[in-house]
């Protein structure tokens, strides 16, 4: 008789019908089972959030690399354009009548 009860107890109909929830072990530890389930939800949510933040960090690092390269290019171009010979060429091309100073600058003292 005891074996019949066991067979009946673990049948598919028994499991799907909710008979498992009436077991003594489940009833005694309901709070702990719910706590573990809630902790799993937090674990999954935390992992998802971390993955999203890692993706955002990677995107920002690529963007930073691009911006640094662009800043370096602009800085190099500015350095090249601010040379005295380059400035003199631009003045001549635009027809501005300026000449370089023949005498060195001097300081006025108080």
N, C-alpha and C. Protein backbone atom coordinates (compact mmCIF):
# COMPACT_ATOMS: atom_id res chain seq x y z
N UNK A 1 0.82 -1.19 0.00
CA UNK A 1 0.00 0.00 0.00
C UNK A 1 0.86 1.25 0.00
N UNK A 2 1.93 1.22 0.75
CA UNK A 2 2.84 2.36 0.83
C UNK A 2 3.50 2.63 -0.52
N UNK A 3 3.83 1.55 -1.27
CA UNK A 3 4.44 1.71 -2.59
C UNK A 3 3.45 2.31 -3.58
N UNK A 4 2.19 1.94 -3.47
CA UNK A 4 1.17 2.51 -4.36
C UNK A 4 1.05 4.01 -4.14
N UNK A 5 1.09 4.41 -2.86
CA UNK A 5 1.01 5.83 -2.54
C UNK A 5 2.20 6.58 -3.15
N UNK A 6 3.38 6.02 -3.06
CA UNK A 6 4.59 6.66 -3.60
C UNK A 6 4.49 6.79 -5.11
N UNK A 7 4.07 5.73 -5.78
CA UNK A 7 3.93 5.79 -7.23
C UNK A 7 2.93 6.86 -7.62
N UNK A 8 1.83 6.88 -6.93
CA UNK A 8 0.80 7.86 -7.22
C UNK A 8 1.29 9.26 -6.91
N UNK A 9 2.08 9.38 -5.88
CA UNK A 9 2.56 10.66 -5.41
C UNK A 9 3.44 11.37 -6.45
N UNK A 10 4.27 10.66 -7.15
CA UNK A 10 5.21 11.27 -8.08
C UNK A 10 4.79 11.09 -9.54
N UNK A 11 3.53 10.96 -9.79
CA UNK A 11 3.06 10.88 -11.17
C UNK A 11 3.01 12.30 -11.76
N UNK A 12 2.87 12.35 -13.05
CA UNK A 12 2.81 13.65 -13.74
C UNK A 12 1.59 14.44 -13.31
N UNK A 13 0.49 13.75 -13.15
CA UNK A 13 -0.75 14.42 -12.73
C UNK A 13 -0.58 15.00 -11.32
N UNK A 14 0.11 14.30 -10.48
CA UNK A 14 0.35 14.76 -9.11
C UNK A 14 1.20 16.03 -9.12
N UNK A 15 2.26 16.04 -9.93
CA UNK A 15 3.15 17.20 -9.99
C UNK A 15 2.46 18.41 -10.60
N UNK A 16 1.74 18.20 -11.70
CA UNK A 16 1.07 19.32 -12.37
C UNK A 16 -0.16 19.79 -11.62
N UNK A 17 -0.75 18.93 -10.84
CA UNK A 17 -1.94 19.28 -10.07
C UNK A 17 -1.64 20.08 -8.82
N UNK A 18 -0.38 20.22 -8.48
CA UNK A 18 -0.01 21.01 -7.31
C UNK A 18 0.16 20.18 -6.06
N UNK A 19 0.15 18.89 -6.19
CA UNK A 19 0.32 18.02 -5.03
C UNK A 19 1.69 18.17 -4.39
N UNK A 20 2.67 18.56 -5.18
CA UNK A 20 4.03 18.75 -4.65
C UNK A 20 4.06 19.88 -3.63
N UNK A 21 3.19 20.87 -3.82
CA UNK A 21 3.17 22.01 -2.90
C UNK A 21 2.59 21.65 -1.54
N UNK A 22 1.93 20.51 -1.45
CA UNK A 22 1.35 20.08 -0.18
C UNK A 22 2.30 19.20 0.63
N UNK A 23 3.47 18.91 0.08
CA UNK A 23 4.45 18.08 0.79
C UNK A 23 4.91 18.79 2.06
N UNK A 24 5.26 18.01 3.07
CA UNK A 24 5.68 18.56 4.37
C UNK A 24 6.94 19.42 4.23
N UNK A 25 7.91 18.95 3.45
CA UNK A 25 9.16 19.70 3.30
C UNK A 25 8.89 21.07 2.67
N UNK A 26 8.07 21.12 1.64
CA UNK A 26 7.77 22.38 0.95
C UNK A 26 7.01 23.32 1.89
N UNK A 27 6.06 22.79 2.61
CA UNK A 27 5.26 23.62 3.51
C UNK A 27 6.14 24.19 4.63
N UNK A 28 7.04 23.38 5.17
CA UNK A 28 7.89 23.84 6.27
C UNK A 28 8.88 24.92 5.82
N UNK A 29 9.38 24.82 4.60
CA UNK A 29 10.45 25.71 4.15
C UNK A 29 9.97 26.71 3.09
N UNK A 30 8.72 27.06 3.11
CA UNK A 30 8.16 27.98 2.10
C UNK A 30 8.88 29.32 2.13
N UNK A 31 9.11 29.88 3.30
CA UNK A 31 9.76 31.19 3.39
C UNK A 31 11.17 31.15 2.82
N UNK A 32 11.90 30.11 3.11
CA UNK A 32 13.27 29.99 2.60
C UNK A 32 13.27 29.81 1.08
N UNK A 33 12.34 29.05 0.58
CA UNK A 33 12.25 28.85 -0.88
C UNK A 33 11.92 30.16 -1.58
N UNK A 34 11.00 30.92 -1.01
CA UNK A 34 10.66 32.23 -1.59
C UNK A 34 11.86 33.17 -1.52
N UNK A 35 12.59 33.15 -0.40
CA UNK A 35 13.78 33.98 -0.27
C UNK A 35 14.82 33.63 -1.33
N UNK A 36 15.05 32.36 -1.56
CA UNK A 36 16.02 31.92 -2.57
C UNK A 36 15.56 32.37 -3.96
N UNK A 37 14.26 32.25 -4.24
CA UNK A 37 13.72 32.67 -5.54
C UNK A 37 13.92 34.17 -5.75
N UNK A 38 13.65 34.97 -4.72
CA UNK A 38 13.83 36.42 -4.82
C UNK A 38 15.30 36.75 -5.03
N UNK A 39 16.19 36.03 -4.33
CA UNK A 39 17.63 36.26 -4.51
C UNK A 39 18.07 35.93 -5.93
N UNK A 40 17.49 34.88 -6.52
CA UNK A 40 17.81 34.55 -7.91
C UNK A 40 17.37 35.66 -8.85
N UNK A 41 16.20 36.24 -8.60
CA UNK A 41 15.74 37.35 -9.44
C UNK A 41 16.70 38.53 -9.34
N UNK A 42 17.14 38.85 -8.12
CA UNK A 42 18.10 39.94 -7.96
C UNK A 42 19.42 39.63 -8.64
N UNK A 43 19.86 38.39 -8.56
CA UNK A 43 21.10 37.98 -9.21
C UNK A 43 21.01 38.16 -10.73
N UNK A 44 19.90 37.73 -11.30
CA UNK A 44 19.71 37.85 -12.75
C UNK A 44 19.63 39.33 -13.15
N UNK A 45 18.89 40.12 -12.38
CA UNK A 45 18.78 41.55 -12.69
C UNK A 45 20.12 42.25 -12.58
N UNK A 46 20.89 41.91 -11.56
CA UNK A 46 22.21 42.51 -11.36
C UNK A 46 23.15 42.15 -12.51
N UNK A 47 23.12 40.90 -12.94
CA UNK A 47 23.97 40.47 -14.06
C UNK A 47 23.59 41.22 -15.34
N UNK A 48 22.30 41.36 -15.58
CA UNK A 48 21.85 42.08 -16.77
C UNK A 48 22.31 43.55 -16.72
N UNK A 49 22.18 44.18 -15.57
CA UNK A 49 22.61 45.57 -15.41
C UNK A 49 24.12 45.69 -15.63
N UNK A 50 24.88 44.77 -15.09
CA UNK A 50 26.34 44.79 -15.26
C UNK A 50 26.72 44.64 -16.73
N UNK A 51 26.07 43.74 -17.43
CA UNK A 51 26.36 43.56 -18.86
C UNK A 51 26.05 44.83 -19.65
N UNK A 52 24.95 45.49 -19.32
CA UNK A 52 24.60 46.74 -20.00
C UNK A 52 25.66 47.81 -19.74
N UNK A 53 26.12 47.90 -18.50
CA UNK A 53 27.14 48.90 -18.15
C UNK A 53 28.47 48.60 -18.83
N UNK A 54 28.82 47.32 -18.94
CA UNK A 54 30.06 46.95 -19.62
C UNK A 54 29.99 47.33 -21.09
N UNK A 55 28.84 47.12 -21.72
CA UNK A 55 28.67 47.52 -23.12
C UNK A 55 28.81 49.03 -23.26
N UNK A 56 28.22 49.77 -22.33
CA UNK A 56 28.31 51.24 -22.37
C UNK A 56 29.76 51.70 -22.17
N UNK A 57 30.49 51.06 -21.27
CA UNK A 57 31.90 51.41 -21.04
C UNK A 57 32.72 51.15 -22.29
N UNK A 58 32.50 50.03 -22.95
CA UNK A 58 33.22 49.72 -24.19
C UNK A 58 32.93 50.76 -25.26
N UNK A 59 31.66 51.13 -25.40
CA UNK A 59 31.29 52.14 -26.40
C UNK A 59 31.96 53.47 -26.10
N UNK A 60 31.96 53.87 -24.83
CA UNK A 60 32.58 55.14 -24.46
C UNK A 60 34.09 55.11 -24.64
N UNK A 61 34.72 53.96 -24.40
CA UNK A 61 36.17 53.86 -24.61
C UNK A 61 36.52 53.99 -26.09
N UNK A 62 35.71 53.37 -26.95
CA UNK A 62 35.95 53.53 -28.40
C UNK A 62 35.77 54.98 -28.83
N UNK A 63 34.72 55.62 -28.29
CA UNK A 63 34.47 57.02 -28.62
C UNK A 63 35.62 57.90 -28.12
N UNK A 64 36.11 57.62 -26.92
CA UNK A 64 37.24 58.38 -26.37
C UNK A 64 38.48 58.23 -27.24
N UNK A 65 38.73 57.03 -27.72
CA UNK A 65 39.88 56.78 -28.58
C UNK A 65 39.76 57.60 -29.88
N UNK A 66 38.55 57.64 -30.45
CA UNK A 66 38.32 58.43 -31.66
C UNK A 66 38.52 59.92 -31.41
N UNK A 67 38.02 60.40 -30.29
CA UNK A 67 38.15 61.82 -29.96
C UNK A 67 39.62 62.19 -29.72
N UNK A 68 40.35 61.31 -29.05
CA UNK A 68 41.78 61.57 -28.82
C UNK A 68 42.54 61.66 -30.14
N UNK A 69 42.24 60.74 -31.06
CA UNK A 69 42.89 60.76 -32.37
C UNK A 69 42.57 62.06 -33.11
N UNK A 70 41.30 62.46 -33.05
CA UNK A 70 40.89 63.70 -33.71
C UNK A 70 41.59 64.91 -33.08
N UNK A 71 41.69 64.94 -31.75
CA UNK A 71 42.37 66.05 -31.08
C UNK A 71 43.84 66.09 -31.45
N UNK A 72 44.47 64.94 -31.55
CA UNK A 72 45.88 64.88 -31.94
C UNK A 72 46.06 65.39 -33.37
N UNK A 73 45.15 65.02 -34.26
CA UNK A 73 45.22 65.49 -35.65
C UNK A 73 45.08 67.01 -35.73
N UNK A 74 44.12 67.54 -35.00
CA UNK A 74 43.90 68.99 -35.01
C UNK A 74 45.11 69.71 -34.41
N UNK A 75 45.66 69.16 -33.32
CA UNK A 75 46.82 69.77 -32.69
C UNK A 75 48.02 69.79 -33.64
N UNK A 76 48.22 68.70 -34.37
CA UNK A 76 49.32 68.63 -35.33
C UNK A 76 49.13 69.64 -36.45
N UNK A 77 47.90 69.73 -36.93
CA UNK A 77 47.60 70.70 -37.99
C UNK A 77 47.82 72.12 -37.51
N UNK A 78 47.38 72.42 -36.29
CA UNK A 78 47.56 73.77 -35.74
C UNK A 78 49.03 74.09 -35.55
N UNK A 79 49.81 73.12 -35.09
CA UNK A 79 51.25 73.34 -34.93
C UNK A 79 51.90 73.64 -36.28
N UNK A 80 51.50 72.91 -37.29
CA UNK A 80 52.05 73.15 -38.63
C UNK A 80 51.66 74.50 -39.17
N UNK A 81 50.42 74.93 -38.92
CA UNK A 81 49.96 76.22 -39.44
C UNK A 81 50.50 77.41 -38.66
N UNK A 82 50.98 77.20 -37.45
CA UNK A 82 51.45 78.34 -36.66
C UNK A 82 52.95 78.60 -36.82
N UNK A 83 53.63 77.88 -37.70
CA UNK A 83 55.03 78.15 -37.97
C UNK A 83 55.16 79.49 -38.69
N UNK A 84 56.26 80.16 -38.42
CA UNK A 84 56.46 81.50 -38.99
C UNK A 84 56.46 81.44 -40.52
N UNK A 85 57.11 80.47 -41.11
CA UNK A 85 57.17 80.38 -42.57
C UNK A 85 55.77 80.17 -43.15
N UNK A 86 54.96 79.38 -42.48
CA UNK A 86 53.59 79.13 -42.96
C UNK A 86 52.76 80.40 -42.86
N UNK A 87 52.93 81.14 -41.78
CA UNK A 87 52.18 82.39 -41.61
C UNK A 87 52.60 83.40 -42.67
N UNK A 88 53.89 83.49 -42.96
CA UNK A 88 54.37 84.42 -44.00
C UNK A 88 53.79 84.05 -45.36
N UNK A 89 53.70 82.77 -45.66
CA UNK A 89 53.10 82.34 -46.93
C UNK A 89 51.64 82.75 -47.02
N UNK A 90 50.89 82.54 -45.93
CA UNK A 90 49.47 82.90 -45.93
C UNK A 90 49.29 84.41 -46.10
N UNK A 91 50.17 85.21 -45.49
CA UNK A 91 50.08 86.67 -45.62
C UNK A 91 50.33 87.08 -47.06
N UNK A 92 51.31 86.49 -47.70
CA UNK A 92 51.60 86.81 -49.10
C UNK A 92 50.45 86.38 -50.02
N UNK A 93 49.87 85.21 -49.78
CA UNK A 93 48.78 84.72 -50.62
C UNK A 93 47.56 85.64 -50.53
N UNK A 94 47.29 86.18 -49.37
CA UNK A 94 46.11 87.02 -49.18
C UNK A 94 46.39 88.48 -49.54
N UNK A 95 47.60 88.82 -49.84
CA UNK A 95 47.93 90.18 -50.27
C UNK A 95 47.94 91.20 -49.15
N UNK A 96 48.17 90.77 -47.93
CA UNK A 96 48.24 91.70 -46.80
C UNK A 96 49.65 92.25 -46.75
N UNK A 97 49.74 93.54 -46.58
CA UNK A 97 51.07 94.18 -46.60
C UNK A 97 51.64 94.24 -45.20
N UNK A 98 52.21 93.16 -44.77
CA UNK A 98 52.91 93.08 -43.49
C UNK A 98 54.31 92.55 -43.75
N UNK A 99 55.24 93.03 -42.95
CA UNK A 99 56.62 92.55 -43.08
C UNK A 99 57.09 92.06 -41.73
N UNK A 100 58.05 91.18 -41.76
CA UNK A 100 58.63 90.72 -40.50
C UNK A 100 59.53 91.82 -39.95
N UNK A 101 59.62 91.90 -38.65
CA UNK A 101 60.41 92.94 -38.01
C UNK A 101 61.90 92.68 -38.26
N UNK A 102 62.59 93.75 -38.57
CA UNK A 102 64.03 93.66 -38.83
C UNK A 102 64.81 93.79 -37.52
N UNK A 103 64.23 94.49 -36.54
CA UNK A 103 64.90 94.71 -35.27
C UNK A 103 64.22 93.80 -34.21
N UNK A 104 65.03 93.27 -33.30
CA UNK A 104 64.43 92.44 -32.27
C UNK A 104 63.62 93.29 -31.28
N UNK A 105 62.63 92.72 -30.65
CA UNK A 105 61.82 93.48 -29.69
C UNK A 105 62.65 93.81 -28.45
N UNK A 106 62.27 94.85 -27.76
CA UNK A 106 62.98 95.21 -26.53
C UNK A 106 61.95 95.53 -25.46
N UNK A 107 62.40 95.45 -24.19
CA UNK A 107 61.50 95.68 -23.06
C UNK A 107 61.69 97.10 -22.54
N UNK A 108 60.58 97.65 -22.12
CA UNK A 108 60.62 98.96 -21.47
C UNK A 108 60.66 98.70 -19.96
N UNK A 109 61.56 99.36 -19.29
CA UNK A 109 61.65 99.17 -17.84
C UNK A 109 60.98 100.32 -17.15
N UNK A 110 60.56 100.12 -15.94
CA UNK A 110 59.85 101.14 -15.16
C UNK A 110 60.78 102.14 -14.56
